[in-house]
Amino acid sequence: MPEALDIVKKVFDGLEENEIQAMMSVAEKRTHPTGTVLVREGRLEHTFYIIVDGMVAISRQLQDGGSRHLNSRGAGEFFGEMALIDNAPRAATVVTTMETTVLEISEHDFNQLLRRNPAVATSMLRSITATLRANDQAAIADLSRKNIELTKAYADLKAAQAEIVAKEKLERELEIAAELQRSLLPTVFPTVPGWTFAGNNIPARTIGGDLYDVIRIDDDHVGLLMADVSDKSIHAALFMAVTRSLFLPESRRSLSPRTVALEVHRNLMEVSSADSMFVTAFYGVLTPKTGHLRYVRAGQDRPIWLHKGQIGYTELDAQGRFLGMLDVLDLEECEVTLGRGDTLVMYSDGVPDAVNLKDEPYTLERLSKLLETHRNEPAGKICNTIFDDVFNFRDNAPAFDDITVLVARADD
């Protein structure tokens, strides 16, 4: 432990030996355990302290009831002098943080010492001035640091607010795009004697790129359309809207699915500026009175044809590549005749490609088995059953693709 005399010499550097001895004569040396409150904020106390050995913490009460640590002081430092000079309540609380030895000088002895030894007062003034200067510099540094932190926090807040505004704007734009997309999909189908139709679409995100429709071409024909635009962005949704707007007029200009699809392809090539954007499609022209169906398949999944009274199913195949990407395109036009009680199920690749939490695909095999079980049910029930089964299989796994189904059923 440092000698008390050496500490006093350090604190009051420059004092004569007799002046130091005078101070030592009025000082009382005491040792306090950890956690001792030497000075309590707000109290009118009358003692000056010089730390001989140990450490104290100085803190100030906050308005919310908490406290703020101001600083710590150790051997060779002092505290409590301001309360003696201005006779005011303590401005802070001082607590020992370890066993601490101090020299304690009462206000009376302190004042007597100053009157008898002006050099002590001068030395004290220098020490107080140095302490105040150090405290001011520390306060300025603390304020500067907090100002920097506040400036950064303000900038971060502005950036966060801007991000929130941008996000809300984007979400609103997506909602508008989704509303537009839903308005393009049929809510009711044409009334066709002897036939019922059912369809649904659930996008993987707010908006998607799938399209389905039953188009009344004339009194004797309807068009069956199932299409899927690559990607799931707003661009894809707009591309889907363009695709539908092209199919509608072209379907009424020709009863040849091949001619219609090729004309749609030509127009898509003119309006599309994205090399990666294309459309897969199944388009067929149905004659309801006879069940005759002429169709093309431009890269779209093969529709499933369920025959009444037969086990198994037929996939409607035809050669062809997607629309709207490469200039040269050839499509094979095929034809079949659906009988009474037959069902045609068209679907997007989001059905067989749906995955569960184990990353297992739903598969065409599962879909075909499901359809075998429900083949004799109404079109609406078949459509709903497919969606229910896919979502039960997927459980809480995220959706990666739109799910779209269109069912056409010839009444028994």
Protein backbone atom coordinates (compact mmCIF):
# COMPACT_ATOMS: atom_id res chain seq x y z
CA MET A 1 0.00 0.00 0.00
CA PRO A 2 1.42 3.44 -0.88
CA GLU A 3 2.32 5.65 2.07
CA ALA A 4 -0.26 8.34 2.82
CA LEU A 5 2.49 10.97 2.88
CA ASP A 6 3.59 10.08 -0.65
CA ILE A 7 -0.02 10.31 -1.86
CA VAL A 8 -0.48 13.77 -0.35
CA LYS A 9 2.77 14.93 -1.97
CA LYS A 10 1.48 13.62 -5.31
CA VAL A 11 -1.91 15.32 -4.93
CA PHE A 12 -0.45 18.66 -3.82
CA ASP A 13 2.68 18.71 -5.88
CA GLY A 14 4.91 21.67 -5.07
CA LEU A 15 3.93 22.12 -1.43
CA GLU A 16 6.67 22.62 1.15
CA GLU A 17 7.31 19.85 3.63
CA ASN A 18 5.83 21.83 6.51
CA GLU A 19 2.66 22.49 4.52
CA ILE A 20 2.30 18.79 3.76
CA GLN A 21 2.85 17.95 7.41
CA ALA A 22 0.18 20.48 8.34
CA MET A 23 -2.27 18.72 6.07
CA MET A 24 -1.35 15.29 7.41
CA SER A 25 -1.92 16.54 10.95
CA VAL A 26 -5.60 17.27 10.31
CA ALA A 27 -6.31 14.22 8.10
CA GLU A 28 -7.85 11.03 9.50
CA LYS A 29 -6.84 7.83 7.77
CA ARG A 30 -9.61 5.22 7.35
CA THR A 31 -10.05 1.95 5.45
CA HIS A 32 -13.51 1.04 4.08
CA PRO A 33 -14.72 -2.30 2.70
CA THR A 34 -16.14 -2.78 -0.78
CA GLY A 35 -19.55 -1.20 -1.30
CA THR A 36 -19.19 1.53 1.31
CA VAL A 37 -21.03 4.74 0.41
CA LEU A 38 -18.61 7.55 1.24
CA VAL A 39 -20.64 10.35 -0.37
CA ARG A 40 -24.37 10.32 -1.08
CA GLU A 41 -25.90 12.55 -3.73
CA GLY A 42 -28.23 15.26 -2.42
CA ARG A 43 -26.92 15.23 1.13
CA LEU A 44 -25.17 18.18 2.76
CA GLU A 45 -21.89 16.63 3.92
CA HIS A 46 -18.67 18.22 5.14
CA THR A 47 -15.74 15.91 4.39
CA PHE A 48 -12.92 16.07 1.83
CA TYR A 49 -11.36 12.73 0.74
CA ILE A 50 -7.94 11.79 -0.62
CA ILE A 51 -7.61 8.21 -1.88
CA VAL A 52 -4.53 6.47 -0.52
CA ASP A 53 -5.26 3.02 -1.92
CA GLY A 54 -8.20 1.29 -3.64
CA MET A 55 -10.89 2.53 -6.03
CA VAL A 56 -14.22 4.35 -5.89
CA ALA A 57 -17.04 4.75 -8.45
CA ILE A 58 -18.82 8.08 -8.93
CA SER A 59 -22.41 8.00 -10.18
CA ARG A 60 -25.39 10.32 -10.56
CA GLN A 61 -29.10 9.61 -10.17
CA LEU A 62 -31.25 9.77 -13.34
CA GLN A 63 -34.81 11.05 -13.53
CA ASP A 64 -36.16 7.60 -14.40
CA GLY A 65 -34.84 6.19 -11.14
CA GLY A 66 -31.71 4.60 -12.58
CA SER A 67 -28.14 5.81 -12.19
CA ARG A 68 -25.37 6.82 -14.55
CA HIS A 69 -21.72 5.99 -13.92
CA LEU A 70 -19.64 9.14 -14.31
CA ASN A 71 -16.12 7.88 -13.66
CA SER A 72 -13.85 6.02 -11.28
CA ARG A 73 -11.01 7.35 -9.14
CA GLY A 74 -8.05 5.62 -7.53
CA ALA A 75 -4.94 6.21 -5.45
CA GLY A 76 -3.58 9.76 -5.72
CA GLU A 77 -6.96 11.32 -6.54
CA PHE A 78 -9.46 13.16 -4.34
CA PHE A 79 -13.18 14.01 -4.19
CA GLY A 80 -15.67 15.94 -2.08
CA GLU A 81 -13.91 19.30 -2.34
CA MET A 82 -16.74 21.16 -4.16
CA ALA A 83 -19.27 20.61 -1.37
CA LEU A 84 -16.84 22.30 1.06
CA ILE A 85 -16.18 25.25 -1.23
CA ASP A 86 -19.77 26.13 -2.20
CA ASN A 87 -21.51 24.58 0.85
CA ALA A 88 -23.96 22.79 -1.47
CA PRO A 89 -25.42 19.26 -1.34
CA ARG A 90 -23.38 16.49 -2.88
CA ALA A 91 -23.72 16.40 -6.67
CA ALA A 92 -22.97 12.66 -6.96
CA THR A 93 -22.68 9.42 -5.02
CA VAL A 94 -19.27 7.86 -4.33
CA VAL A 95 -19.01 4.14 -3.49
CA THR A 96 -15.94 1.99 -2.89
CA THR A 97 -15.53 -0.76 -5.51
CA MET A 98 -12.84 -2.54 -3.52
CA GLU A 99 -11.28 -2.18 -0.10
CA THR A 100 -10.23 1.47 -0.07
CA THR A 101 -8.10 3.59 2.26
CA VAL A 102 -8.73 7.33 2.34
CA LEU A 103 -7.59 10.40 4.19
CA GLU A 104 -10.63 12.29 5.48
CA ILE A 105 -10.44 16.01 6.27
CA SER A 106 -13.43 17.75 7.85
CA GLU A 107 -14.75 21.06 6.56
CA HIS A 108 -13.58 22.89 9.69
CA ASP A 109 -10.05 21.53 9.48
CA PHE A 110 -10.04 22.07 5.73
CA ASN A 111 -10.95 25.76 6.11
CA GLN A 112 -8.42 26.27 8.93
CA LEU A 113 -5.76 24.66 6.80
CA LEU A 114 -6.48 26.96 3.90
CA ARG A 115 -6.37 30.07 6.11
CA ARG A 116 -3.04 29.11 7.70
CA ASN A 117 -1.45 27.86 4.47
CA PRO A 118 -2.34 29.88 1.34
CA ALA A 119 -0.05 27.59 -0.67
CA VAL A 120 -2.40 24.71 0.10
CA ALA A 121 -5.29 26.74 -1.31
CA THR A 122 -3.29 27.53 -4.43
CA SER A 123 -2.32 23.88 -4.92
CA MET A 124 -5.91 22.83 -4.26
CA LEU A 125 -7.11 25.33 -6.84
CA ARG A 126 -4.67 23.96 -9.41
CA SER A 127 -5.84 20.41 -8.71
CA ILE A 128 -9.50 21.40 -8.89
CA THR A 129 -8.90 23.29 -12.13
CA ALA A 130 -7.07 20.30 -13.62
CA THR A 131 -9.91 17.99 -12.54
CA LEU A 132 -12.56 20.31 -13.98
CA ARG A 133 -10.62 20.60 -17.21
CA ALA A 134 -10.31 16.82 -17.46
CA ASN A 135 -14.01 16.40 -16.68
CA ASP A 136 -14.91 19.02 -19.29
CA GLN A 137 -12.77 17.28 -21.89
CA ALA A 138 -14.32 13.94 -21.00
CA ALA A 139 -17.81 15.47 -21.19
CA ILE A 140 -17.04 17.05 -24.56
CA ALA A 141 -15.67 13.76 -25.86
CA ASP A 142 -18.74 11.96 -24.54
CA LEU A 143 -21.06 14.51 -26.15
CA SER A 144 -19.14 14.28 -29.43
CA ARG A 145 -19.41 10.50 -29.40
CA LYS A 146 -23.11 10.66 -28.61
CA ASN A 147 -23.61 13.29 -31.31
CA ILE A 148 -21.95 10.97 -33.83
CA GLU A 149 -24.11 8.08 -32.62
CA LEU A 150 -27.22 10.27 -32.76
CA THR A 151 -26.36 11.46 -36.28
CA LYS A 152 -25.86 7.86 -37.40
CA ALA A 153 -29.05 6.76 -35.66
CA TYR A 154 -30.94 9.57 -37.39
CA ALA A 155 -29.46 8.59 -40.76
CA ASP A 156 -30.33 4.94 -40.10
CA LEU A 157 -33.86 5.96 -39.12
CA LYS A 158 -34.27 8.00 -42.30
CA ALA A 159 -32.96 5.09 -44.36
CA ALA A 160 -35.28 2.67 -42.56
CA GLN A 161 -38.24 4.98 -43.10
CA ALA A 162 -37.36 5.31 -46.78
CA GLU A 163 -37.07 1.54 -47.02
CA ILE A 164 -40.45 1.10 -45.34
CA VAL A 165 -42.04 3.62 -47.73
CA ALA A 166 -40.44 1.89 -50.72
CA LYS A 167 -41.55 -1.51 -49.42
CA GLU A 168 -45.11 -0.31 -48.84
CA LYS A 169 -45.16 1.20 -52.32
CA LEU A 170 -43.88 -2.04 -53.84
CA GLU A 171 -46.42 -4.09 -51.86
CA ARG A 172 -49.20 -1.81 -53.06
CA GLU A 173 -47.98 -2.12 -56.64
CA LEU A 174 -47.93 -5.90 -56.23
CA GLU A 175 -51.47 -5.83 -54.83
CA ILE A 176 -52.63 -3.79 -57.82
CA ALA A 177 -50.86 -6.19 -60.18
CA ALA A 178 -52.42 -9.15 -58.37
CA GLU A 179 -55.90 -7.57 -58.61
CA LEU A 180 -55.34 -6.98 -62.32
CA GLN A 181 -54.19 -10.54 -62.78
CA ARG A 182 -57.19 -11.96 -60.92
CA SER A 183 -59.50 -9.85 -63.07
CA LEU A 184 -58.04 -11.52 -66.17
CA LEU A 185 -58.79 -15.02 -64.93
CA PRO A 186 -62.34 -16.31 -65.38
CA THR A 187 -64.74 -16.20 -62.45
CA VAL A 188 -67.48 -17.97 -64.38
CA PHE A 189 -67.32 -20.15 -67.47
CA PRO A 190 -69.52 -20.10 -70.56
CA THR A 191 -72.70 -22.13 -70.28
CA VAL A 192 -72.24 -25.02 -72.68
CA PRO A 193 -75.00 -27.67 -72.91
CA GLY A 194 -73.69 -31.10 -71.97
CA TRP A 195 -70.45 -29.80 -70.45
CA THR A 196 -69.22 -28.42 -67.13
CA PHE A 197 -65.98 -26.60 -66.49
CA ALA A 198 -64.03 -25.79 -63.32
CA GLY A 199 -60.73 -24.07 -62.73
CA ASN A 200 -58.59 -22.35 -60.14
CA ASN A 201 -55.22 -20.67 -59.78
CA ILE A 202 -53.16 -20.05 -56.64
CA PRO A 203 -49.91 -18.16 -57.30
CA ALA A 204 -46.73 -19.00 -55.42
CA ARG A 205 -46.23 -15.30 -54.65
CA THR A 206 -48.50 -12.27 -54.67
CA ILE A 207 -48.63 -12.47 -58.44
CA GLY A 208 -47.91 -15.31 -60.83
CA GLY A 209 -47.63 -16.21 -64.47
CA ASP A 210 -50.23 -18.96 -65.01
CA LEU A 211 -53.28 -18.53 -67.23
CA TYR A 212 -56.38 -20.65 -67.81
CA ASP A 213 -59.61 -19.92 -69.64
CA VAL A 214 -62.62 -21.35 -71.45
CA ILE A 215 -63.23 -19.12 -74.47
CA ARG A 216 -66.54 -19.00 -76.31
CA ILE A 217 -65.44 -18.92 -79.94
CA ASP A 218 -68.86 -19.19 -81.57
CA ASP A 219 -72.13 -21.07 -81.03
CA ASP A 220 -70.51 -24.42 -81.89
CA HIS A 221 -66.99 -24.15 -80.46
CA VAL A 222 -65.16 -23.25 -77.25
CA GLY A 223 -61.44 -22.83 -76.69
CA LEU A 224 -59.62 -24.50 -73.78
CA LEU A 225 -56.49 -22.65 -72.72
CA MET A 226 -53.84 -23.51 -70.14
CA ALA A 227 -50.63 -21.45 -70.23
CA ASP A 228 -47.64 -20.77 -68.00
CA VAL A 229 -45.30 -17.79 -68.34
CA SER A 230 -41.70 -18.32 -67.28
CA ASP A 231 -40.67 -16.49 -64.09
CA LYS A 232 -42.99 -15.17 -61.35
CA SER A 233 -42.25 -11.43 -61.46
CA ILE A 234 -44.46 -8.45 -62.30
CA HIS A 235 -42.98 -8.77 -65.78
CA ALA A 236 -44.34 -12.32 -65.94
CA ALA A 237 -47.80 -11.15 -64.85
CA LEU A 238 -47.80 -8.49 -67.57
CA PHE A 239 -46.57 -11.06 -70.10
CA MET A 240 -49.45 -13.32 -69.05
CA ALA A 241 -51.92 -10.47 -69.57
CA VAL A 242 -50.50 -9.85 -73.05
CA THR A 243 -50.71 -13.57 -73.85
CA ARG A 244 -54.38 -13.73 -72.89
CA SER A 245 -55.18 -10.58 -74.84
CA LEU A 246 -53.59 -12.18 -77.91
CA PHE A 247 -55.35 -15.55 -77.56
CA LEU A 248 -58.84 -14.03 -77.28
CA PRO A 249 -59.03 -12.32 -80.70
CA GLU A 250 -56.92 -14.94 -82.47
CA SER A 251 -59.17 -17.76 -81.23
CA ARG A 252 -62.11 -16.13 -83.04
CA ARG A 253 -60.22 -15.75 -86.30
CA SER A 254 -59.46 -19.44 -86.79
CA LEU A 255 -60.71 -22.82 -85.60
CA SER A 256 -57.21 -24.25 -86.07
CA PRO A 257 -55.38 -24.36 -82.71
CA ARG A 258 -52.08 -24.47 -84.60
CA THR A 259 -52.87 -21.31 -86.55
CA VAL A 260 -54.01 -19.49 -83.39
CA ALA A 261 -50.94 -20.51 -81.36
CA LEU A 262 -48.51 -19.60 -84.15
CA GLU A 263 -50.11 -16.17 -84.51
CA VAL A 264 -49.88 -15.63 -80.76
CA HIS A 265 -46.24 -16.69 -80.93
CA ARG A 266 -45.54 -14.21 -83.76
CA ASN A 267 -47.12 -11.35 -81.83
CA LEU A 268 -45.27 -12.26 -78.63
CA MET A 269 -42.00 -12.13 -80.55
CA GLU A 270 -42.84 -8.58 -81.63
CA VAL A 271 -43.78 -7.25 -78.20
CA SER A 272 -41.29 -9.14 -76.01
CA SER A 273 -37.92 -7.57 -75.28
CA ALA A 274 -36.75 -10.21 -72.79
CA ASP A 275 -34.78 -13.11 -74.21
CA SER A 276 -35.57 -15.27 -71.16
CA MET A 277 -39.37 -14.76 -71.18
CA PHE A 278 -41.52 -17.39 -72.87
CA VAL A 279 -44.89 -19.12 -72.58
CA THR A 280 -45.76 -22.81 -72.44
CA ALA A 281 -49.34 -23.49 -73.51
CA PHE A 282 -52.01 -26.07 -74.24
CA TYR A 283 -54.74 -24.78 -76.51
CA GLY A 284 -57.63 -26.81 -77.84
CA VAL A 285 -60.79 -26.12 -79.83
CA LEU A 286 -63.70 -28.22 -78.53
CA THR A 287 -66.89 -28.95 -80.43
CA PRO A 288 -69.24 -29.62 -77.50
CA LYS A 289 -71.97 -31.36 -79.52
CA THR A 290 -69.63 -34.09 -80.74
CA GLY A 291 -66.84 -34.02 -78.13
CA HIS A 292 -64.32 -33.49 -80.91
CA LEU A 293 -61.17 -31.71 -79.67
CA ARG A 294 -58.35 -30.37 -81.83
CA TYR A 295 -55.34 -29.15 -79.87
CA VAL A 296 -51.68 -28.11 -79.78
CA ARG A 297 -49.21 -28.46 -76.94
CA ALA A 298 -46.45 -25.84 -76.83
CA GLY A 299 -44.23 -27.25 -74.09
CA GLN A 300 -47.10 -27.43 -71.58
CA ASP A 301 -47.70 -30.44 -69.31
CA ARG A 302 -49.77 -33.13 -71.02
CA PRO A 303 -53.47 -32.99 -70.03
CA ILE A 304 -54.95 -36.15 -68.52
CA TRP A 305 -57.94 -37.70 -70.34
CA LEU A 306 -60.08 -39.90 -68.09
CA HIS A 307 -62.35 -42.26 -70.04
CA LYS A 308 -65.68 -43.23 -68.58
CA GLY A 309 -65.86 -46.87 -67.59
CA GLN A 310 -62.17 -47.51 -68.24
CA ILE A 311 -59.23 -48.00 -65.93
CA GLY A 312 -56.24 -45.75 -66.50
CA TYR A 313 -55.96 -42.57 -68.48
CA THR A 314 -54.55 -41.05 -71.65
CA GLU A 315 -52.10 -38.18 -71.83
CA LEU A 316 -52.76 -35.75 -74.66
CA ASP A 317 -49.39 -35.44 -76.34
CA ALA A 318 -48.29 -33.35 -79.30
CA GLN A 319 -44.96 -32.07 -80.52
CA GLY A 320 -44.17 -28.41 -79.97
CA ARG A 321 -41.98 -25.89 -78.22
CA PHE A 322 -42.88 -22.88 -76.09
CA LEU A 323 -44.17 -19.61 -77.49
CA GLY A 324 -42.55 -16.19 -77.68
CA MET A 325 -38.83 -16.92 -77.50
CA LEU A 326 -37.29 -18.40 -80.66
CA ASP A 327 -38.30 -17.28 -84.14
CA VAL A 328 -38.70 -20.68 -85.76
CA LEU A 329 -41.56 -22.68 -84.26
CA ASP A 330 -43.47 -25.71 -85.46
CA LEU A 331 -46.49 -27.11 -83.65
CA GLU A 332 -48.20 -30.43 -84.18
CA GLU A 333 -52.00 -30.24 -84.25
CA CYS A 334 -53.72 -33.37 -82.96
CA GLU A 335 -57.34 -34.39 -82.39
CA VAL A 336 -59.34 -36.70 -80.15
CA THR A 337 -63.02 -37.25 -79.40
CA LEU A 338 -64.24 -37.21 -75.82
CA GLY A 339 -67.29 -39.30 -74.99
CA ARG A 340 -70.10 -38.81 -72.50
CA GLY A 341 -68.78 -39.00 -68.94
CA ASP A 342 -65.17 -38.36 -70.01
CA THR A 343 -63.07 -35.80 -68.14
CA LEU A 344 -60.11 -33.74 -69.33
CA VAL A 345 -57.77 -32.37 -66.62
CA MET A 346 -55.33 -29.61 -67.62
CA TYR A 347 -52.76 -28.44 -65.07
CA SER A 348 -49.58 -26.39 -64.68
CA ASP A 349 -46.26 -27.85 -63.66
CA GLY A 350 -46.79 -26.39 -60.19
CA VAL A 351 -48.94 -29.45 -59.42
CA PRO A 352 -46.51 -32.37 -60.03
CA ASP A 353 -43.48 -30.25 -59.06
CA ALA A 354 -44.83 -29.17 -55.65
CA VAL A 355 -42.48 -30.34 -52.88
CA ASN A 356 -43.05 -31.17 -49.23
CA LEU A 357 -40.88 -30.49 -46.18
CA LYS A 358 -38.69 -33.48 -47.12
CA ASP A 359 -38.08 -31.91 -50.55
CA GLU A 360 -40.04 -34.75 -52.18
CA PRO A 361 -42.04 -33.90 -55.34
CA TYR A 362 -45.77 -34.43 -55.58
CA THR A 363 -45.30 -36.22 -58.98
CA LEU A 364 -47.59 -37.05 -61.88
CA GLU A 365 -47.99 -40.56 -60.46
CA ARG A 366 -49.68 -39.24 -57.31
CA LEU A 367 -51.91 -36.95 -59.37
CA SER A 368 -53.00 -39.78 -61.67
CA LYS A 369 -53.84 -42.04 -58.71
CA LEU A 370 -55.88 -39.25 -57.16
CA LEU A 371 -57.80 -38.75 -60.41
CA GLU A 372 -58.45 -42.49 -60.70
CA THR A 373 -60.14 -42.35 -57.30
CA HIS A 374 -62.27 -39.28 -58.12
CA ARG A 375 -62.77 -39.77 -61.86
CA ASN A 376 -66.58 -39.99 -61.68
CA GLU A 377 -67.05 -36.84 -59.60
CA PRO A 378 -68.20 -33.43 -60.94
CA ALA A 379 -65.63 -31.08 -62.48
CA GLY A 380 -65.68 -28.69 -59.51
CA LYS A 381 -65.12 -31.50 -57.01
CA ILE A 382 -62.21 -32.88 -59.03
CA CYS A 383 -60.59 -29.43 -59.21
CA ASN A 384 -60.97 -28.81 -55.47
CA THR A 385 -59.70 -32.29 -54.63
CA ILE A 386 -56.49 -31.69 -56.57
CA PHE A 387 -55.79 -28.45 -54.71
CA ASP A 388 -56.62 -30.01 -51.33
CA ASP A 389 -54.32 -32.96 -51.94
CA VAL A 390 -51.41 -30.84 -53.19
CA PHE A 391 -51.60 -28.49 -50.20
CA ASN A 392 -51.96 -31.36 -47.72
CA PHE A 393 -48.91 -33.01 -49.29
CA ARG A 394 -46.88 -29.79 -49.29
CA ASP A 395 -47.83 -28.97 -45.67
CA ASN A 396 -45.78 -25.96 -44.52
CA ALA A 397 -43.15 -26.21 -47.24
CA PRO A 398 -42.76 -22.97 -49.24
CA ALA A 399 -44.38 -22.70 -52.68
CA PHE A 400 -41.98 -22.38 -55.60
CA ASP A 401 -44.47 -22.34 -58.46
CA ASP A 402 -48.04 -21.36 -59.23
CA ILE A 403 -50.67 -24.08 -59.08
CA THR A 404 -53.34 -23.97 -61.79
CA VAL A 405 -55.98 -26.52 -62.79
CA LEU A 406 -58.69 -26.51 -65.48
CA VAL A 407 -61.19 -29.38 -65.71
CA ALA A 408 -63.60 -30.02 -68.61
CA ARG A 409 -66.18 -32.78 -68.12
CA ALA A 410 -68.71 -34.17 -70.57
CA ASP A 411 -71.99 -34.87 -68.80
CA ASP A 412 -73.15 -38.49 -68.64
